[in-house]
Amino acid sequence: MVLDAEEGRRIATALAGHKAVILRNHGLLTVGDSVDAAAWWFITMERSCQVQLLAKAAGKPVHITHENALLTREQLGNDLVAWINYQPLYQQIIRTEPDLFD
């Protein structure tokens, strides 16, 4: 939890134009144009971190090319795509927890 305004400014500076940061000893922080997009980036970031750790534990990870990384970001790295991907999870939450918003 950020209680100091200066700490909040440092985090905002670190985020700059990015979607996520890893806060040492605190975990992940994600942002988006909507809560749904920010939630999807968090879920994706957490899953990516898990896969990275599993790949390293299994041996030497095979990295994708920089060009493929840029293409993937271009095709899937916007907040509309994040919002769309989050919708099935949101619908599942609504179905399984109907009293959540009461």
C-alpha atoms as a PDB file:
ATOM      1  CA  MET A   1       0.000   0.000   0.000  1.00  0.00           C
ATOM      2  CA  VAL A   2       1.385   3.372  -0.992  1.00  0.00           C
ATOM      3  CA  LEU A   3       0.950   5.922   1.782  1.00  0.00           C
ATOM      4  CA  ASP A   4       3.531   8.438   0.610  1.00  0.00           C
ATOM      5  CA  ALA A   5       2.742  10.708  -2.342  1.00  0.00           C
ATOM      6  CA  GLU A   6       6.389  10.623  -3.440  1.00  0.00           C
ATOM      7  CA  GLU A   7       6.286   6.818  -3.619  1.00  0.00           C
ATOM      8  CA  GLY A   8       3.203   7.072  -5.800  1.00  0.00           C
ATOM      9  CA  ARG A   9       5.053   9.467  -8.103  1.00  0.00           C
ATOM     10  CA  ARG A  10       8.024   7.071  -8.351  1.00  0.00           C
ATOM     11  CA  ILE A  11       5.700   4.210  -9.292  1.00  0.00           C
ATOM     12  CA  ALA A  12       3.919   6.380 -11.867  1.00  0.00           C
ATOM     13  CA  THR A  13       7.297   7.362 -13.333  1.00  0.00           C
ATOM     14  CA  ALA A  14       8.376   3.714 -13.493  1.00  0.00           C
ATOM     15  CA  LEU A  15       5.123   2.827 -15.248  1.00  0.00           C
ATOM     16  CA  ALA A  16       5.519   5.680 -17.754  1.00  0.00           C
ATOM     17  CA  GLY A  17       3.777   4.327 -20.882  1.00  0.00           C
ATOM     18  CA  HIS A  18       3.787   0.707 -19.751  1.00  0.00           C
ATOM     19  CA  LYS A  19       0.957  -1.568 -18.598  1.00  0.00           C
ATOM     20  CA  ALA A  20       2.709  -3.200 -15.658  1.00  0.00           C
ATOM     21  CA  VAL A  21       5.529  -3.005 -13.160  1.00  0.00           C
ATOM     22  CA  ILE A  22       6.932  -5.520 -10.732  1.00  0.00           C
ATOM     23  CA  LEU A  23       7.277  -3.919  -7.314  1.00  0.00           C
ATOM     24  CA  ARG A  24      10.143  -5.574  -5.482  1.00  0.00           C
ATOM     25  CA  ASN A  25       8.806  -7.291  -2.343  1.00  0.00           C
ATOM     26  CA  HIS A  26       5.249  -6.175  -3.174  1.00  0.00           C
ATOM     27  CA  GLY A  27       4.184  -7.937  -6.361  1.00  0.00           C
ATOM     28  CA  LEU A  28       2.588  -6.732  -9.548  1.00  0.00           C
ATOM     29  CA  LEU A  29       0.844  -3.506 -10.462  1.00  0.00           C
ATOM     30  CA  THR A  30      -1.080  -3.101 -13.714  1.00  0.00           C
ATOM     31  CA  VAL A  31      -3.024  -0.267 -15.301  1.00  0.00           C
ATOM     32  CA  GLY A  32      -5.440   0.081 -18.204  1.00  0.00           C
ATOM     33  CA  ASP A  33      -8.077   2.251 -19.799  1.00  0.00           C
ATOM     34  CA  SER A  34     -10.676   0.361 -17.748  1.00  0.00           C
ATOM     35  CA  VAL A  35     -10.779  -1.769 -14.615  1.00  0.00           C
ATOM     36  CA  ASP A  36     -11.457  -4.784 -16.833  1.00  0.00           C
ATOM     37  CA  ALA A  37      -8.351  -4.100 -18.936  1.00  0.00           C
ATOM     38  CA  ALA A  38      -6.176  -3.559 -15.854  1.00  0.00           C
ATOM     39  CA  ALA A  39      -7.506  -6.818 -14.351  1.00  0.00           C
ATOM     40  CA  TRP A  40      -6.715  -8.705 -17.564  1.00  0.00           C
ATOM     41  CA  TRP A  41      -3.178  -7.286 -17.671  1.00  0.00           C
ATOM     42  CA  PHE A  42      -2.709  -8.386 -14.049  1.00  0.00           C
ATOM     43  CA  ILE A  43      -3.924 -11.916 -14.782  1.00  0.00           C
ATOM     44  CA  THR A  44      -1.763 -12.117 -17.900  1.00  0.00           C
ATOM     45  CA  MET A  45       1.279 -10.722 -16.092  1.00  0.00           C
ATOM     46  CA  GLU A  46       0.890 -13.176 -13.219  1.00  0.00           C
ATOM     47  CA  ARG A  47       0.535 -16.102 -15.638  1.00  0.00           C
ATOM     48  CA  SER A  48       3.554 -14.889 -17.610  1.00  0.00           C
ATOM     49  CA  CYS A  49       5.644 -14.724 -14.442  1.00  0.00           C
ATOM     50  CA  GLN A  50       4.605 -18.274 -13.523  1.00  0.00           C
ATOM     51  CA  VAL A  51       5.522 -19.563 -16.987  1.00  0.00           C
ATOM     52  CA  GLN A  52       8.872 -17.751 -16.833  1.00  0.00           C
ATOM     53  CA  LEU A  53       9.708 -19.400 -13.510  1.00  0.00           C
ATOM     54  CA  LEU A  54       8.626 -22.831 -14.776  1.00  0.00           C
ATOM     55  CA  ALA A  55      10.681 -22.429 -17.940  1.00  0.00           C
ATOM     56  CA  LYS A  56      13.770 -21.448 -15.966  1.00  0.00           C
ATOM     57  CA  ALA A  57      13.256 -24.354 -13.560  1.00  0.00           C
ATOM     58  CA  ALA A  58      13.000 -26.791 -16.488  1.00  0.00           C
ATOM     59  CA  GLY A  59      16.226 -25.636 -18.120  1.00  0.00           C
ATOM     60  CA  LYS A  60      17.276 -22.870 -20.463  1.00  0.00           C
ATOM     61  CA  PRO A  61      14.231 -20.959 -21.759  1.00  0.00           C
ATOM     62  CA  VAL A  62      13.931 -20.447 -25.509  1.00  0.00           C
ATOM     63  CA  HIS A  63      13.184 -16.792 -26.147  1.00  0.00           C
ATOM     64  CA  ILE A  64      11.035 -15.548 -28.996  1.00  0.00           C
ATOM     65  CA  THR A  65      12.572 -13.065 -31.394  1.00  0.00           C
ATOM     66  CA  HIS A  66      12.270  -9.352 -30.793  1.00  0.00           C
ATOM     67  CA  GLU A  67      10.303  -9.063 -34.038  1.00  0.00           C
ATOM     68  CA  ASN A  68       7.763 -11.661 -32.857  1.00  0.00           C
ATOM     69  CA  ALA A  69       7.462  -9.886 -29.513  1.00  0.00           C
ATOM     70  CA  LEU A  70       6.738  -6.586 -31.284  1.00  0.00           C
ATOM     71  CA  LEU A  71       4.189  -8.231 -33.588  1.00  0.00           C
ATOM     72  CA  THR A  72       2.424  -9.869 -30.645  1.00  0.00           C
ATOM     73  CA  ARG A  73       2.287  -6.546 -28.810  1.00  0.00           C
ATOM     74  CA  GLU A  74       0.938  -4.831 -31.911  1.00  0.00           C
ATOM     75  CA  GLN A  75      -1.807  -7.425 -32.349  1.00  0.00           C
ATOM     76  CA  LEU A  76      -2.757  -8.126 -28.729  1.00  0.00           C
ATOM     77  CA  GLY A  77      -1.251  -5.400 -26.564  1.00  0.00           C
ATOM     78  CA  ASN A  78      -4.041  -2.854 -26.455  1.00  0.00           C
ATOM     79  CA  ASP A  79      -6.667  -2.220 -23.809  1.00  0.00           C
ATOM     80  CA  LEU A  80      -9.576  -3.143 -26.085  1.00  0.00           C
ATOM     81  CA  VAL A  81      -8.132  -6.634 -26.528  1.00  0.00           C
ATOM     82  CA  ALA A  82      -7.563  -6.817 -22.761  1.00  0.00           C
ATOM     83  CA  TRP A  83     -11.160  -5.742 -22.074  1.00  0.00           C
ATOM     84  CA  ILE A  84     -12.495  -8.341 -24.539  1.00  0.00           C
ATOM     85  CA  ASN A  85     -10.387 -11.106 -23.005  1.00  0.00           C
ATOM     86  CA  TYR A  86     -11.575 -10.240 -19.502  1.00  0.00           C
ATOM     87  CA  GLN A  87     -15.281 -10.436 -20.353  1.00  0.00           C
ATOM     88  CA  PRO A  88     -15.642 -14.261 -20.068  1.00  0.00           C
ATOM     89  CA  LEU A  89     -14.048 -14.114 -16.606  1.00  0.00           C
ATOM     90  CA  TYR A  90     -16.375 -11.292 -15.606  1.00  0.00           C
ATOM     91  CA  GLN A  91     -19.391 -13.268 -16.841  1.00  0.00           C
ATOM     92  CA  GLN A  92     -18.217 -16.294 -14.872  1.00  0.00           C
ATOM     93  CA  ILE A  93     -17.926 -14.179 -11.724  1.00  0.00           C
ATOM     94  CA  ILE A  94     -21.443 -12.818 -12.247  1.00  0.00           C
ATOM     95  CA  ARG A  95     -22.808 -16.366 -12.704  1.00  0.00           C
ATOM     96  CA  THR A  96     -20.994 -17.939  -9.752  1.00  0.00           C
ATOM     97  CA  GLU A  97     -21.271 -14.998  -7.344  1.00  0.00           C
ATOM     98  CA  PRO A  98     -24.654 -13.361  -8.109  1.00  0.00           C
ATOM     99  CA  ASP A  99     -24.767 -11.559  -4.751  1.00  0.00           C
ATOM    100  CA  LEU A 100     -21.345  -9.960  -5.221  1.00  0.00           C
ATOM    101  CA  PHE A 101     -22.786  -6.555  -6.110  1.00  0.00           C
ATOM    102  CA  ASP A 102     -25.606  -6.538  -3.533  1.00  0.00           C
END
